[in-house]
Protein backbone atom coordinates (compact mmCIF):
# COMPACT_ATOMS: atom_id res chain seq x y z
CA UNK A 1 0.00 0.00 0.00
CA UNK A 2 1.38 3.35 -0.94
CA UNK A 3 1.87 5.56 2.11
CA UNK A 4 1.37 2.77 4.66
CA UNK A 5 4.28 0.77 6.03
CA UNK A 6 3.56 -2.98 5.93
CA UNK A 7 3.86 -3.30 9.69
CA UNK A 8 1.29 -0.49 10.08
CA UNK A 9 -1.35 -2.11 7.88
CA UNK A 10 -3.89 -4.43 9.42
CA UNK A 11 -7.13 -5.88 8.11
CA UNK A 12 -9.21 -3.24 9.88
CA UNK A 13 -7.35 -0.24 8.45
CA UNK A 14 -9.88 0.58 5.75
CA UNK A 15 -12.89 -0.04 7.97
CA UNK A 16 -11.40 2.30 10.56
CA UNK A 17 -10.56 4.92 7.91
CA UNK A 18 -14.01 4.87 6.26
CA UNK A 19 -16.26 7.84 6.98
CA UNK A 20 -18.84 6.78 9.60
CA UNK A 21 -21.70 7.61 7.20
CA UNK A 22 -20.16 5.36 4.54
CA UNK A 23 -19.63 2.23 6.65
CA UNK A 24 -22.68 0.46 5.23
CA UNK A 25 -21.62 1.20 1.63
CA UNK A 26 -18.07 0.16 2.48
CA UNK A 27 -19.30 -3.11 3.97
CA UNK A 28 -21.47 -3.71 0.87
CA UNK A 29 -18.46 -3.12 -1.40
CA UNK A 30 -16.14 -5.37 0.64
CA UNK A 31 -18.70 -8.17 0.77
CA UNK A 32 -19.22 -7.96 -2.98
CA UNK A 33 -15.45 -7.96 -3.52
CA UNK A 34 -14.94 -11.12 -1.45
CA UNK A 35 -17.98 -12.91 -2.93
CA UNK A 36 -16.98 -12.08 -6.51
CA UNK A 37 -13.39 -13.23 -5.96
CA UNK A 38 -14.59 -16.43 -4.30
CA UNK A 39 -17.08 -17.17 -7.11
CA UNK A 40 -14.40 -16.73 -9.79
CA UNK A 41 -11.95 -18.89 -7.84
CA UNK A 42 -14.50 -21.70 -7.43
CA UNK A 43 -15.63 -21.65 -11.07
CA UNK A 44 -12.08 -21.03 -12.35
CA UNK A 45 -13.30 -18.31 -14.71
CA UNK A 46 -14.72 -14.83 -14.85
CA UNK A 47 -14.06 -11.12 -14.87
CA UNK A 48 -16.05 -8.21 -13.52
CA UNK A 49 -15.95 -4.56 -12.56
CA UNK A 50 -17.01 -3.21 -9.16
CA UNK A 51 -17.20 0.56 -8.83
CA UNK A 52 -18.33 2.54 -5.78
CA UNK A 53 -17.64 5.95 -4.26
CA UNK A 54 -16.62 6.19 -0.59
CA UNK A 55 -15.06 8.71 1.73
CA UNK A 56 -11.84 7.40 3.29
CA UNK A 57 -9.77 9.38 5.79
CA UNK A 58 -6.43 10.54 4.40
CA UNK A 59 -3.21 11.30 6.28
CA UNK A 60 -4.49 14.84 7.01
CA UNK A 61 -7.58 13.47 8.75
CA UNK A 62 -9.86 14.69 5.92
CA UNK A 63 -12.42 12.56 4.09
CA UNK A 64 -12.07 13.11 0.33
CA UNK A 65 -14.66 11.48 -1.92
CA UNK A 66 -12.92 8.61 -3.72
CA UNK A 67 -14.08 6.42 -6.57
CA UNK A 68 -12.99 2.83 -5.94
CA UNK A 69 -12.83 0.84 -9.16
CA UNK A 70 -11.96 -2.84 -8.88
CA UNK A 71 -11.32 -5.06 -11.87
CA UNK A 72 -11.46 -8.81 -11.08
CA UNK A 73 -10.07 -11.47 -13.38
CA UNK A 74 -9.47 -15.17 -13.00
CA UNK A 75 -6.07 -16.20 -14.37
CA UNK A 76 -5.92 -19.71 -15.80
CA UNK A 77 -2.13 -19.47 -15.95
CA UNK A 78 -1.73 -18.71 -12.23
CA UNK A 79 -4.92 -20.46 -11.02
CA UNK A 80 -5.94 -17.45 -8.97
CA UNK A 81 -8.05 -14.30 -9.04
CA UNK A 82 -6.27 -11.04 -9.66
CA UNK A 83 -7.72 -7.76 -8.44
CA UNK A 84 -6.65 -4.46 -9.94
CA UNK A 85 -7.88 -1.56 -7.82
CA UNK A 86 -7.79 2.14 -8.69
CA UNK A 87 -8.78 4.97 -6.34
CA UNK A 88 -9.60 8.33 -7.92
CA UNK A 89 -10.22 11.53 -5.98
CA UNK A 90 -13.60 12.77 -7.24
CA UNK A 91 -13.64 15.98 -5.17
CA UNK A 92 -12.82 18.03 -8.32
CA UNK A 93 -15.71 16.39 -10.23
CA UNK A 94 -19.32 17.52 -10.23
CA UNK A 95 -21.12 15.90 -7.29
CA UNK A 96 -24.48 14.22 -7.10
CA UNK A 97 -26.90 15.92 -4.75
CA UNK A 98 -28.21 12.61 -3.38
CA UNK A 99 -27.35 8.96 -3.54
CA UNK A 100 -24.07 7.42 -4.57
CA UNK A 101 -22.34 5.69 -7.44
CA UNK A 102 -22.43 1.90 -7.38
CA UNK A 103 -21.88 -0.52 -10.25
CA UNK A 104 -21.22 -4.25 -10.52
CA UNK A 105 -21.08 -5.83 -13.94
CA UNK A 106 -19.18 -6.54 -17.12
CA UNK A 107 -19.36 -3.20 -18.92
CA UNK A 108 -15.65 -2.44 -18.84
CA UNK A 109 -16.18 0.89 -20.59
CA UNK A 110 -17.12 2.11 -17.09
CA UNK A 111 -13.54 1.47 -15.92
CA UNK A 112 -12.45 5.04 -16.62
CA UNK A 113 -11.92 8.46 -15.10
CA UNK A 114 -15.14 9.48 -13.31
CA UNK A 115 -17.30 11.79 -15.38
CA UNK A 116 -20.86 12.91 -14.69
CA UNK A 117 -22.36 9.98 -16.65
CA UNK A 118 -20.32 7.39 -14.75
CA UNK A 119 -21.13 8.88 -11.36
CA UNK A 120 -24.86 8.87 -12.20
CA UNK A 121 -24.87 5.03 -12.19
CA UNK A 122 -26.18 3.61 -8.94
CA UNK A 123 -28.46 4.80 -6.18
CA UNK A 124 -30.05 8.21 -6.94
CA UNK A 125 -31.92 8.44 -3.62
CA UNK A 126 -31.29 10.31 -0.40
CA UNK A 127 -30.51 8.21 2.68
CA UNK A 128 -34.08 8.60 3.97
CA UNK A 129 -35.62 7.71 0.61
CA UNK A 130 -33.39 4.63 0.38
CA UNK A 131 -34.41 3.62 3.91
CA UNK A 132 -38.07 3.90 2.87
CA UNK A 133 -37.38 1.61 -0.11
CA UNK A 134 -35.75 -0.92 2.23
CA UNK A 135 -38.76 -0.81 4.55
CA UNK A 136 -41.17 -1.22 1.63
CA UNK A 137 -39.10 -4.18 0.42
CA UNK A 138 -39.37 -5.71 3.90
CA UNK A 139 -43.19 -5.56 3.58
CA UNK A 140 -44.07 -2.51 5.68
CA UNK A 141 -47.02 -0.27 4.77
CA UNK A 142 -46.81 3.54 4.59
CA UNK A 143 -48.44 3.72 8.02
CA UNK A 144 -45.88 1.32 9.54
CA UNK A 145 -42.99 3.17 7.88
CA UNK A 146 -44.31 6.49 9.20
CA UNK A 147 -44.38 5.09 12.74
CA UNK A 148 -40.92 3.57 12.46
CA UNK A 149 -39.30 6.74 11.03
CA UNK A 150 -41.36 9.21 13.10
CA UNK A 151 -42.88 10.80 9.98
CA UNK A 152 -46.44 11.49 8.93
CA UNK A 153 -48.09 9.12 6.46
CA UNK A 154 -48.41 12.09 4.07
CA UNK A 155 -44.61 12.61 4.20
CA UNK A 156 -43.95 8.90 3.55
CA UNK A 157 -46.33 8.96 0.56
CA UNK A 158 -44.65 12.11 -0.76
CA UNK A 159 -41.28 10.34 -0.47
CA UNK A 160 -42.71 7.35 -2.32
CA UNK A 161 -43.78 9.60 -5.23
CA UNK A 162 -40.38 11.36 -5.24
CA UNK A 163 -38.58 8.01 -5.21
CA UNK A 164 -40.44 6.88 -8.33
CA UNK A 165 -39.83 10.24 -10.04
CA UNK A 166 -36.08 10.16 -9.29
CA UNK A 167 -35.70 6.55 -10.36
CA UNK A 168 -37.86 6.85 -13.47
CA UNK A 169 -39.76 3.72 -12.46
CA UNK A 170 -43.53 3.21 -12.64
CA UNK A 171 -43.84 0.99 -9.57
CA UNK A 172 -41.97 0.37 -6.35
CA UNK A 173 -41.72 -3.33 -7.28
CA UNK A 174 -39.87 -2.38 -10.46
CA UNK A 175 -37.40 -0.24 -8.47
CA UNK A 176 -36.88 -2.92 -5.81
CA UNK A 177 -36.21 -5.50 -8.53
CA UNK A 178 -33.61 -3.21 -10.13
CA UNK A 179 -31.93 -2.49 -6.78
CA UNK A 180 -31.77 -6.23 -6.10
CA UNK A 181 -30.25 -6.81 -9.54
CA UNK A 182 -27.65 -4.12 -8.71
CA UNK A 183 -27.17 -5.77 -5.31
CA UNK A 184 -28.10 -2.56 -3.50
CA UNK A 185 -30.80 -4.45 -1.55
């Protein structure tokens, strides 16, 4: 690791350095990384791209927004999975107002410098809107969600409409299916 002496690096370094608000995303990314590597190793084939933005504390104690891009590839020659990881500081790039970038797939054209189009891939929702989607997916009604989040039913229903508008989906089921396909839920 550049900037970290080997004796100073332990398995918890990145978890400790992740911004507290990004721990769930970081855990999602790490789990996907391990599962993908394991799947390729078991099947002895495969390649994929995982791309996610996270805030990781730097040596100054600041949390720049970084794009983590991971390219996985099984090597028949070496009988192992190689992982090529690139971190790009996206602070100079135009930011999304809500949500975050997240991509898992085989479109390797997305393994590039982060532009507005690339960063638009993923979850377009605010944290509260995404929580409402999770609660809907778990089977809760608007009334139950309102009670759980200390909101009015009117506010929950307004969020539901905004969620569909932002996502461009016609139904919540359609959005939940897409989020499951993207492994966001």
